[in-house]
N, C-alpha and C. Protein backbone atom coordinates (compact mmCIF):
# COMPACT_ATOMS: atom_id res chain seq x y z
N ALA A 1 111.25 86.84 84.65
CA ALA A 1 111.08 86.82 85.92
C ALA A 1 110.03 87.44 86.29
N SER A 2 108.63 87.32 85.92
CA SER A 2 107.59 88.10 86.31
C SER A 2 106.46 87.19 86.93
N ARG A 3 105.62 87.93 87.25
CA ARG A 3 104.17 87.44 87.49
C ARG A 3 103.66 87.53 85.94
N ARG A 4 103.68 88.32 85.35
CA ARG A 4 102.90 88.56 84.34
C ARG A 4 103.66 88.12 82.97
N PRO A 5 102.76 87.02 82.07
CA PRO A 5 103.44 86.93 81.18
C PRO A 5 104.35 87.85 80.13
N PRO A 6 104.73 87.88 79.36
CA PRO A 6 105.81 88.47 78.34
C PRO A 6 104.91 89.05 77.30
N SER A 7 105.11 90.77 77.02
CA SER A 7 104.18 91.12 76.49
C SER A 7 104.71 90.71 74.72
N ARG A 8 103.61 90.97 73.40
CA ARG A 8 104.52 91.00 72.19
C ARG A 8 105.69 91.30 72.16
N LYS A 9 105.88 92.77 72.60
CA LYS A 9 107.09 93.69 72.69
C LYS A 9 108.18 93.06 72.55
N SER A 10 107.91 92.44 74.10
CA SER A 10 109.21 91.70 74.61
C SER A 10 109.77 89.99 73.63
N TYR A 11 108.83 89.58 73.21
CA TYR A 11 109.01 88.42 72.02
C TYR A 11 110.05 89.13 70.66
N ARG A 12 109.45 90.59 70.96
CA ARG A 12 110.30 90.59 69.39
C ARG A 12 111.84 91.42 69.93
N LEU A 13 111.67 91.71 71.05
CA LEU A 13 113.19 91.76 71.72
C LEU A 13 114.42 90.71 71.62
N ALA A 14 113.98 89.41 72.35
CA ALA A 14 114.21 88.16 73.11
C ALA A 14 114.26 86.98 71.67
N ALA A 15 115.30 86.79 71.77
CA ALA A 15 115.12 85.39 71.26
C ALA A 15 114.31 84.19 71.67
N SER A 16 114.51 84.14 72.94
CA SER A 16 113.94 82.88 73.46
C SER A 16 113.27 83.55 74.98
N PRO A 17 112.48 84.44 74.41
CA PRO A 17 111.65 84.38 75.98
C PRO A 17 111.50 83.59 77.04
N LEU A 18 111.04 83.51 78.20
CA LEU A 18 111.07 82.62 78.76
C LEU A 18 110.05 83.16 80.17
N HIS A 19 109.08 82.97 80.62
CA HIS A 19 107.93 83.65 82.01
C HIS A 19 108.02 82.82 82.98
N GLU A 20 108.95 82.99 83.85
CA GLU A 20 109.00 82.41 85.45
C GLU A 20 108.14 83.00 86.35
N ARG A 21 107.18 82.28 85.97
CA ARG A 21 106.08 83.14 87.11
C ARG A 21 106.50 82.83 88.29
N ALA A 22 107.32 81.83 89.03
CA ALA A 22 107.48 81.22 90.29
C ALA A 22 108.58 82.12 90.60
N LEU A 23 109.55 83.44 89.85
CA LEU A 23 110.59 84.14 90.21
C LEU A 23 109.87 85.13 90.40
N GLY A 24 108.63 85.55 89.92
CA GLY A 24 108.02 86.65 90.10
C GLY A 24 107.64 87.29 91.40
N ASN A 25 107.30 88.25 91.44
CA ASN A 25 107.09 88.67 92.98
C ASN A 25 105.74 89.11 93.58
N PRO A 26 105.72 88.49 94.54
CA PRO A 26 104.28 87.67 95.04
C PRO A 26 103.59 88.97 95.29
N LYS A 27 102.33 89.16 95.45
CA LYS A 27 101.80 90.56 95.28
C LYS A 27 101.74 91.43 96.84
N PRO A 28 101.48 90.63 97.91
CA PRO A 28 101.89 91.33 98.89
C PRO A 28 103.34 92.05 99.06
N TYR A 29 104.22 91.50 98.48
CA TYR A 29 105.57 92.36 98.31
C TYR A 29 105.34 93.43 97.45
N ARG A 30 105.06 93.16 96.30
CA ARG A 30 104.93 94.11 95.09
C ARG A 30 104.15 95.81 96.07
N VAL A 31 102.79 95.26 96.42
CA VAL A 31 102.01 95.88 97.19
C VAL A 31 102.76 97.04 98.24
N ALA A 32 103.42 96.57 99.50
CA ALA A 32 104.92 97.34 99.55
C ALA A 32 105.05 98.17 99.72
N TRP A 33 105.84 97.51 98.11
CA TRP A 33 106.89 97.96 97.94
C TRP A 33 106.65 99.20 96.80
N LYS A 34 105.30 99.31 96.24
CA LYS A 34 104.79 100.08 95.45
C LYS A 34 104.28 101.79 96.89
N ALA A 35 103.96 100.99 97.65
CA ALA A 35 103.46 102.11 98.75
C ALA A 35 104.72 102.69 99.34
N GLY A 36 105.65 102.54 99.16
CA GLY A 36 106.90 103.05 99.64
C GLY A 36 107.90 101.97 101.29
N ASP A 37 107.61 101.07 101.25
CA ASP A 37 108.09 100.29 101.61
C ASP A 37 108.36 99.08 101.38
N ALA A 38 110.13 99.69 100.80
CA ALA A 38 110.80 98.62 99.51
C ALA A 38 111.71 97.58 100.96
N ARG A 39 111.14 98.08 102.59
CA ARG A 39 112.11 97.01 102.74
C ARG A 39 111.04 95.47 103.05
N VAL A 40 110.15 95.80 103.50
CA VAL A 40 109.48 94.77 103.65
C VAL A 40 109.06 93.82 102.26
N GLY A 41 108.65 94.84 101.52
CA GLY A 41 109.10 94.09 99.74
C GLY A 41 109.97 93.68 99.10
N ALA A 42 111.34 93.78 99.40
CA ALA A 42 112.52 93.43 99.57
C ALA A 42 112.88 92.19 100.73
N THR A 43 112.68 92.54 101.74
CA THR A 43 112.34 91.22 102.44
C THR A 43 111.73 90.03 102.58
N GLY A 44 110.34 90.37 101.86
CA GLY A 44 109.36 89.43 101.38
C GLY A 44 110.05 88.15 100.49
N TYR A 45 110.36 89.19 99.40
CA TYR A 45 110.88 88.24 97.64
C TYR A 45 112.19 87.84 98.47
N ARG A 46 113.06 87.94 98.96
CA ARG A 46 113.84 87.44 99.36
C ARG A 46 113.50 86.26 99.82
N ALA A 47 112.69 86.01 100.84
CA ALA A 47 112.16 84.99 101.82
C ALA A 47 111.79 83.94 100.34
N HIS A 48 110.76 84.59 99.51
CA HIS A 48 109.91 84.20 98.36
C HIS A 48 111.25 83.24 97.83
N LEU A 49 112.31 83.59 97.82
CA LEU A 49 113.57 83.29 96.63
C LEU A 49 114.31 82.48 97.24
N ALA A 50 114.02 82.02 98.46
CA ALA A 50 114.59 80.82 99.56
C ALA A 50 114.24 79.77 99.76
N ASN A 51 112.65 79.87 100.11
CA ASN A 51 111.43 79.21 100.27
C ASN A 51 110.98 78.54 98.77
N GLY A 52 110.52 79.10 98.26
CA GLY A 52 109.37 78.69 97.61
C GLY A 52 109.49 78.48 96.18
N SER A 53 111.27 79.01 95.64
CA SER A 53 111.31 79.33 93.98
C SER A 53 112.44 78.74 94.37
N SER A 54 113.39 78.36 95.20
CA SER A 54 114.68 77.86 95.02
C SER A 54 114.75 77.14 93.76
N GLY A 55 113.95 76.52 93.99
CA GLY A 55 114.14 75.07 92.60
C GLY A 55 114.33 76.24 90.89
N ARG A 56 113.44 77.25 91.19
CA ARG A 56 112.98 77.56 89.75
C ARG A 56 114.38 78.72 89.25
N LEU A 57 115.25 79.03 90.79
CA LEU A 57 116.06 79.60 91.01
C LEU A 57 117.17 79.19 90.36
N ASP A 58 117.40 78.30 90.73
CA ASP A 58 118.73 77.26 90.29
C ASP A 58 118.38 76.91 89.11
N ALA A 59 117.19 76.45 88.44
CA ALA A 59 117.25 76.06 87.22
C ALA A 59 117.78 77.64 86.42
N LEU A 60 116.84 78.66 86.54
CA LEU A 60 117.47 80.00 85.93
C LEU A 60 119.09 80.19 86.09
N ALA A 61 119.91 79.86 87.18
CA ALA A 61 121.17 79.82 87.18
C ALA A 61 121.30 79.08 86.49
N GLU A 62 121.32 77.98 85.97
CA GLU A 62 121.86 76.89 85.33
C GLU A 62 121.66 77.51 83.72
N ARG A 63 120.49 78.18 83.11
CA ARG A 63 120.57 79.08 82.13
C ARG A 63 121.51 80.14 82.33
N VAL A 64 121.65 80.91 82.81
CA VAL A 64 122.56 81.92 82.61
C VAL A 64 124.25 81.31 82.62
N GLY A 65 124.30 80.40 83.58
CA GLY A 65 125.63 79.61 83.49
C GLY A 65 126.10 79.39 82.10
N ASN A 66 125.30 78.63 81.27
CA ASN A 66 125.37 78.66 79.49
C ASN A 66 125.44 79.43 78.45
N GLY A 67 124.93 80.47 79.81
CA GLY A 67 125.19 82.11 78.78
C GLY A 67 123.72 82.54 78.10
N GLY A 68 123.05 83.41 77.53
CA GLY A 68 122.43 84.30 76.35
C GLY A 68 120.95 84.58 77.42
N VAL A 69 121.37 84.80 78.35
CA VAL A 69 120.22 85.34 79.41
C VAL A 69 119.94 86.57 79.71
N CYS A 70 118.96 87.43 79.39
CA CYS A 70 118.89 88.85 79.74
C CYS A 70 117.18 89.21 80.70
N LEU A 71 117.80 89.48 81.55
CA LEU A 71 116.43 89.61 82.62
C LEU A 71 115.81 91.22 82.14
N MET A 72 114.72 91.16 81.89
CA MET A 72 114.32 92.31 81.32
C MET A 72 113.71 93.46 82.75
N CYS A 73 113.69 94.64 83.21
CA CYS A 73 113.20 95.16 84.18
C CYS A 73 111.97 96.31 83.38
N VAL A 74 110.84 97.20 84.12
CA VAL A 74 110.13 98.44 83.25
C VAL A 74 110.34 99.12 84.63
N GLU A 75 111.35 99.25 85.97
CA GLU A 75 111.39 99.67 86.41
C GLU A 75 112.55 101.01 86.35
N ARG A 76 112.18 102.17 86.82
CA ARG A 76 112.95 103.76 86.10
C ARG A 76 114.17 103.30 86.72
N THR A 77 114.59 102.57 87.63
CA THR A 77 115.80 102.66 87.89
C THR A 77 115.71 100.62 89.13
N ALA A 78 117.15 100.58 88.29
CA ALA A 78 117.21 98.85 89.29
C ALA A 78 117.27 98.31 90.36
N GLU A 79 117.50 99.30 90.94
CA GLU A 79 116.68 100.15 92.68
C GLU A 79 115.72 99.49 93.51
N ASP A 80 114.82 99.91 92.39
CA ASP A 80 113.37 100.30 92.54
C ASP A 80 112.72 98.28 91.65
N CYS A 81 113.37 97.41 91.61
CA CYS A 81 112.57 96.39 90.80
C CYS A 81 113.35 95.16 91.62
N HIS A 82 112.24 94.23 91.90
CA HIS A 82 112.51 93.10 92.60
C HIS A 82 113.54 92.33 91.79
N ARG A 83 113.80 92.55 90.49
CA ARG A 83 114.66 91.74 89.79
C ARG A 83 116.33 91.69 90.17
N SER A 84 116.56 93.04 90.82
CA SER A 84 117.89 93.10 91.42
C SER A 84 117.72 92.39 92.49
N ILE A 85 117.38 91.73 92.89
CA ILE A 85 117.54 91.01 94.46
C ILE A 85 117.66 89.52 93.70
N LEU A 86 116.68 89.39 92.65
CA LEU A 86 116.67 88.15 91.71
C LEU A 86 118.45 87.90 90.72
N VAL A 87 118.65 89.42 90.88
CA VAL A 87 120.59 88.97 90.23
C VAL A 87 121.33 88.86 91.57
N ASP A 88 120.74 89.73 92.03
CA ASP A 88 121.87 89.37 93.56
C ASP A 88 121.45 87.50 94.04
N ALA A 89 120.63 86.92 93.85
CA ALA A 89 120.08 85.69 93.95
C ALA A 89 120.98 84.81 93.17
N LEU A 90 120.96 85.21 91.68
CA LEU A 90 121.95 85.01 90.69
C LEU A 90 123.13 84.61 91.11
N ASN A 91 124.07 85.76 91.03
CA ASN A 91 125.62 86.21 91.63
C ASN A 91 125.52 85.06 92.39
N ALA A 92 125.24 85.15 93.52
CA ALA A 92 125.52 83.95 94.93
C ALA A 92 125.61 82.61 94.61
N ARG A 93 124.70 82.60 93.56
CA ARG A 93 125.30 81.31 92.67
C ARG A 93 125.87 80.30 92.18
N LEU A 94 126.79 81.84 90.80
CA LEU A 94 127.07 81.71 89.90
C LEU A 94 128.57 83.07 89.98
N PHE A 95 128.66 83.79 90.16
CA PHE A 95 129.57 85.08 90.18
C PHE A 95 129.24 85.41 89.13
N LEU A 96 128.87 85.46 88.45
CA LEU A 96 129.31 85.49 86.57
C LEU A 96 127.51 86.93 86.08
N VAL A 97 126.37 87.23 86.96
CA VAL A 97 125.88 88.43 86.44
C VAL A 97 126.20 89.98 86.62
N ASN A 98 126.07 90.46 84.90
CA ASN A 98 126.33 91.66 85.44
C ASN A 98 125.13 92.50 85.27
N HIS A 99 124.57 93.51 86.40
CA HIS A 99 123.95 94.11 86.19
C HIS A 99 123.77 95.63 85.26
N ARG A 100 123.15 96.02 84.65
CA ARG A 100 123.33 97.26 84.03
C ARG A 100 122.21 97.89 83.70
N PRO A 101 121.75 98.97 84.68
CA PRO A 101 121.18 100.58 84.56
C PRO A 101 120.82 100.52 83.38
């Protein structure tokens, strides 16, 4: 779930990489997060998932339910990454996601 296409390295790491641009963090929320306003960034990203990307989130939840999905993160800590919010949203749908640092 990124706004950028996967790198060549991620293709070597994952059996079947999937790029879901609709689940990436839109620029205004990324900018707020990087500027130190995680509250604004997180709130905006949650709204984005609920409003504009709920269909893609449902499709990803279905894939997670079928097994074999790994969300990759490049941040130092999971708490600093929008994917932690994505995991929470998937958990709300499935109660299956393990979030590992």
